[in-house]
Every structure is written in structure tokens, then in C-alpha cells.
Amino acid sequence: MHAQPLAPADFEFLEDTLLKYGDDHSVLNLAELDGYFTALVSSPAQVDVGEWFPAIWDGQNPNWENVEEAQRFLELCVRHSNTLAEQLATDAQSFKARFDDTEHQGQRVTLAEEWCFGYIRGAAIGKWPALPTELAAQWEKISWCAEQDNFELPADLDVNAHQQRVSEIEPAARALHDYWLSVR
């Protein structure tokens, strides 16, 4: 498989389209979409586009302005998914999740919650079975973060502890991908 990575304008189109057609039950932003696809390409079995595409929109395809817009969105999703799959399979150490970041009390803080929420959504669509005990801790690093609320960071946020937990997410995603790849 040869993936063609997306350009910044492609990512902007994806983000704009998610914002245009999304609602509280759909994938809402690029970070969440990236986590979603990371889980899908890491799944124990390939997930058909007929399952994962409608799930972006909570099962309800948008009322697209035109067919070209829908086709472009789908094409870019497939390209990004293929890029993630190739990267995780051939050069996993260079895998970088598309986390958001913000400033909190004068410090840069990485926000992984939306990415993790997308990952959990993707694993559900991929119908992941229970993980062996040794990998459950990796799953917990991602699922814990998905439960956090990043809309308002608490004033007493321990930024160092938060950043440490976030730094464990990409290695966890790599470990989970490697496990499922080994049992396919």
C-alpha cells in the first residue's frame, strides 16, 4: 500500500466539513477524526467503508451540498486512513497523533481528549474484543483521557502530570496497533 499524505489544505477541508455537517453525536473535529482512523486501522479486522463512513455522522449521512463535496471528503478520509495504516505498519515510531493544544495559565498544554474520544469511537465501530490483561493498561491510557473534559481546564490542573499522561497515549496506540496486527 502506498499512502499519499494530506496537505494542510486537505486537512482544512476535512475540518471545515466536519464543522459544517457535524452535531453533538458526530465526529466534530480533526483531532477526533484522526483518533477515529487510528483505531480503525489498528482494529483486529478491516472495517468496511460502509460501516465507518456513516459512523462519522452518527449513522446519518449529511445532506451534502453536492456530490463532489461528498466525494472529496470521502477520498481525503480514505487517504488519511491509508497514511495512518502505512505509518503504523512500517514506521510506527514516527506516528504522531493530531492532538490539539492550548495555553493554560501561561503554559502550553496538549489536549488529547478529542483524539482519544475518536479512538474509542473507532474501536467501537471496529468491534474490538476484550484485550489481554497485559494490553488493558495501554487501553486505559487512552480511555482515561477520553473521559476528561477539555472545555475548561481546572485552575488547579497539574500541567506536568497532565502532560505526562498525554505523552503515554501515542506509545499506547502503537502497542495496541502492534498487538492487533500480530493476531490478524
Protein backbone atom coordinates (compact mmCIF):
# COMPACT_ATOMS: atom_id res chain seq x y z
CA MET A 1 0.00 0.00 0.00
CA HIS A 2 1.29 3.46 -0.82
CA ALA A 3 -0.34 6.32 1.01
CA GLN A 4 -0.42 9.90 -0.17
CA PRO A 5 -0.32 12.13 2.94
CA LEU A 6 -2.74 15.01 3.08
CA ALA A 7 -1.67 18.60 2.57
CA PRO A 8 -2.63 21.35 5.03
CA ALA A 9 -5.43 22.49 2.67
CA ASP A 10 -6.83 18.94 2.70
CA PHE A 11 -6.90 18.88 6.49
CA GLU A 12 -8.58 22.28 6.46
CA PHE A 13 -11.28 20.95 4.11
CA LEU A 14 -11.88 17.97 6.41
CA GLU A 15 -12.10 20.22 9.48
CA ASP A 16 -14.45 22.66 7.75
CA THR A 17 -16.68 19.82 6.54
CA LEU A 18 -16.88 18.26 10.00
CA LEU A 19 -17.87 21.62 11.46
CA LYS A 20 -20.36 22.28 8.66
CA TYR A 21 -22.25 18.99 8.92
CA GLY A 22 -21.46 17.72 12.39
CA ASP A 23 -23.54 17.75 15.52
CA ASP A 24 -23.09 16.64 19.13
CA HIS A 25 -23.27 12.98 18.10
CA SER A 26 -20.86 13.02 15.16
CA VAL A 27 -17.11 13.38 14.83
CA LEU A 28 -16.62 17.10 15.31
CA ASN A 29 -13.02 17.95 14.56
CA LEU A 30 -9.77 16.83 13.02
CA ALA A 31 -8.28 15.54 16.27
CA GLU A 32 -11.28 13.29 16.84
CA LEU A 33 -11.23 12.10 13.21
CA ASP A 34 -7.52 11.26 13.49
CA GLY A 35 -8.11 9.21 16.64
CA TYR A 36 -11.06 7.52 14.95
CA PHE A 37 -8.99 6.44 11.96
CA THR A 38 -6.05 5.40 14.14
CA ALA A 39 -8.30 2.94 15.96
CA LEU A 40 -9.93 1.75 12.74
CA VAL A 41 -6.60 0.95 11.06
CA SER A 42 -5.48 -0.72 14.29
CA SER A 43 -8.56 -2.93 14.50
CA PRO A 44 -8.35 -6.73 14.66
CA ALA A 45 -10.21 -6.89 11.31
CA GLN A 46 -10.63 -4.48 8.43
CA VAL A 47 -13.68 -2.26 8.80
CA ASP A 48 -15.62 -1.59 5.61
CA VAL A 49 -16.17 1.98 4.46
CA GLY A 50 -19.90 1.26 4.55
CA GLU A 51 -19.57 0.94 8.32
CA TRP A 52 -17.05 3.60 9.23
CA PHE A 53 -18.19 6.42 6.93
CA PRO A 54 -21.78 6.72 8.22
CA ALA A 55 -20.48 6.35 11.79
CA ILE A 56 -18.57 9.63 11.39
CA TRP A 57 -22.01 11.24 11.18
CA ASP A 58 -23.65 9.06 13.86
CA GLY A 59 -25.28 6.95 11.17
CA GLN A 60 -26.94 9.88 9.40
CA ASN A 61 -25.15 10.96 6.22
CA PRO A 62 -25.19 14.73 5.79
CA ASN A 63 -27.34 16.50 3.28
CA TRP A 64 -24.34 17.30 1.09
CA GLU A 65 -24.36 20.49 -0.96
CA ASN A 66 -23.22 18.45 -3.96
CA VAL A 67 -21.79 15.07 -4.82
CA GLU A 68 -18.31 16.49 -5.41
CA GLU A 69 -18.11 17.71 -1.81
CA ALA A 70 -19.08 14.27 -0.50
CA GLN A 71 -16.64 12.53 -2.83
CA ARG A 72 -13.78 14.81 -1.84
CA PHE A 73 -14.47 14.32 1.85
CA LEU A 74 -14.57 10.54 1.43
CA GLU A 75 -11.42 10.50 -0.71
CA LEU A 76 -9.50 12.56 1.84
CA CYS A 77 -10.71 10.32 4.67
CA VAL A 78 -9.51 7.23 2.81
CA ARG A 79 -6.14 8.83 2.03
CA HIS A 80 -5.63 9.86 5.65
CA SER A 81 -6.66 6.44 6.89
CA ASN A 82 -4.25 4.78 4.43
CA THR A 83 -1.45 7.10 5.53
CA LEU A 84 -2.03 6.20 9.17
CA ALA A 85 -2.19 2.47 8.34
CA GLU A 86 1.06 2.60 6.37
CA GLN A 87 2.82 4.66 9.00
CA LEU A 88 1.78 2.42 11.89
CA ALA A 89 2.72 -0.72 9.95
CA THR A 90 6.07 0.44 8.57
CA ASP A 91 7.37 3.30 10.73
CA ALA A 92 5.32 3.32 13.91
CA GLN A 93 7.89 5.30 15.88
CA SER A 94 7.24 8.32 13.67
CA PHE A 95 3.48 8.13 14.32
CA LYS A 96 2.19 11.43 15.66
CA ALA A 97 -1.40 11.84 16.77
CA ARG A 98 -3.09 15.08 15.76
CA PHE A 99 -3.68 16.37 19.29
CA ASP A 100 -4.94 19.87 19.96
CA ASP A 101 -3.17 22.26 22.28
CA THR A 102 -4.00 25.37 24.21
CA GLU A 103 -2.49 27.79 26.66
CA HIS A 104 -3.35 27.38 30.32
CA GLN A 105 -2.07 29.82 32.92
CA GLY A 106 0.83 30.81 30.67
CA GLN A 107 1.82 27.23 29.79
CA ARG A 108 1.30 25.26 26.58
CA VAL A 109 -0.93 22.27 27.31
CA THR A 110 -1.55 19.38 24.92
CA LEU A 111 -5.19 18.34 24.73
CA ALA A 112 -5.66 14.73 23.72
CA GLU A 113 -9.22 14.25 24.89
CA GLU A 114 -10.89 14.70 21.49
CA TRP A 115 -8.35 12.41 19.82
CA CYS A 116 -8.93 9.76 22.49
CA PHE A 117 -12.69 10.09 22.17
CA GLY A 118 -12.34 9.47 18.43
CA TYR A 119 -10.13 6.48 19.14
CA ILE A 120 -12.74 4.96 21.46
CA ARG A 121 -15.41 5.59 18.81
CA GLY A 122 -13.24 3.88 16.16
CA ALA A 123 -12.59 0.87 18.40
CA ALA A 124 -16.35 0.52 18.94
CA ILE A 125 -17.01 0.61 15.17
CA GLY A 126 -14.19 -1.93 14.76
CA LYS A 127 -15.93 -4.15 17.33
CA TRP A 128 -12.76 -4.75 19.31
CA PRO A 129 -12.98 -7.81 21.55
CA ALA A 130 -11.57 -7.77 25.08
CA LEU A 131 -7.84 -7.19 25.27
CA PRO A 132 -5.42 -9.48 27.07
CA THR A 133 -4.55 -8.27 30.55
CA GLU A 134 -1.12 -7.03 29.54
CA LEU A 135 -2.66 -4.67 26.97
CA ALA A 136 -5.56 -3.48 29.11
CA ALA A 137 -3.24 -0.91 30.70
CA GLN A 138 -2.48 0.51 27.25
CA TRP A 139 -6.19 0.81 26.53
CA GLU A 140 -6.70 2.53 29.88
CA LYS A 141 -4.18 5.26 28.96
CA ILE A 142 -6.41 6.18 26.03
CA SER A 143 -9.83 5.58 27.55
CA TRP A 144 -8.98 7.57 30.68
CA CYS A 145 -8.17 10.60 28.60
CA ALA A 146 -11.37 10.22 26.56
CA GLU A 147 -13.35 10.69 29.76
CA GLN A 148 -11.77 14.04 30.55
CA ASP A 149 -13.46 17.34 29.80
CA ASN A 150 -11.14 19.70 27.94
CA PHE A 151 -13.61 22.53 27.50
CA GLU A 152 -12.48 24.14 30.74
CA LEU A 153 -9.22 23.10 32.30
CA PRO A 154 -9.37 23.29 36.09
CA ALA A 155 -7.48 26.17 37.65
CA ASP A 156 -5.52 23.71 39.77
CA LEU A 157 -4.53 21.48 36.82
CA ASP A 158 -1.20 19.79 37.43
CA VAL A 159 0.19 20.56 33.98
CA ASN A 160 3.22 18.29 34.38
CA ALA A 161 1.11 15.30 35.42
CA HIS A 162 -1.35 16.02 32.61
CA GLN A 163 1.43 16.25 30.02
CA GLN A 164 2.96 13.00 31.33
CA ARG A 165 -0.33 11.17 30.86
CA VAL A 166 -0.74 12.62 27.37
CA SER A 167 2.80 11.52 26.47
CA GLU A 168 1.75 7.91 27.13
CA ILE A 169 -1.07 7.91 24.56
CA GLU A 170 0.92 7.59 21.33
CA PRO A 171 3.01 4.66 22.66
CA ALA A 172 -0.23 3.02 23.85
CA ALA A 173 -1.79 3.43 20.40
CA ARG A 174 1.32 1.92 18.81
CA ALA A 175 1.24 -1.04 21.21
CA LEU A 176 -2.43 -1.69 20.53
CA HIS A 177 -1.89 -1.48 16.78
CA ASP A 178 1.06 -3.88 17.00
CA TYR A 179 -0.96 -6.35 19.05
CA TRP A 180 -3.93 -6.44 16.67
CA LEU A 181 -1.60 -6.57 13.66
CA SER A 182 0.11 -9.62 15.16
CA VAL A 183 -3.18 -11.53 15.56
CA ARG A 184 -4.83 -10.66 12.21
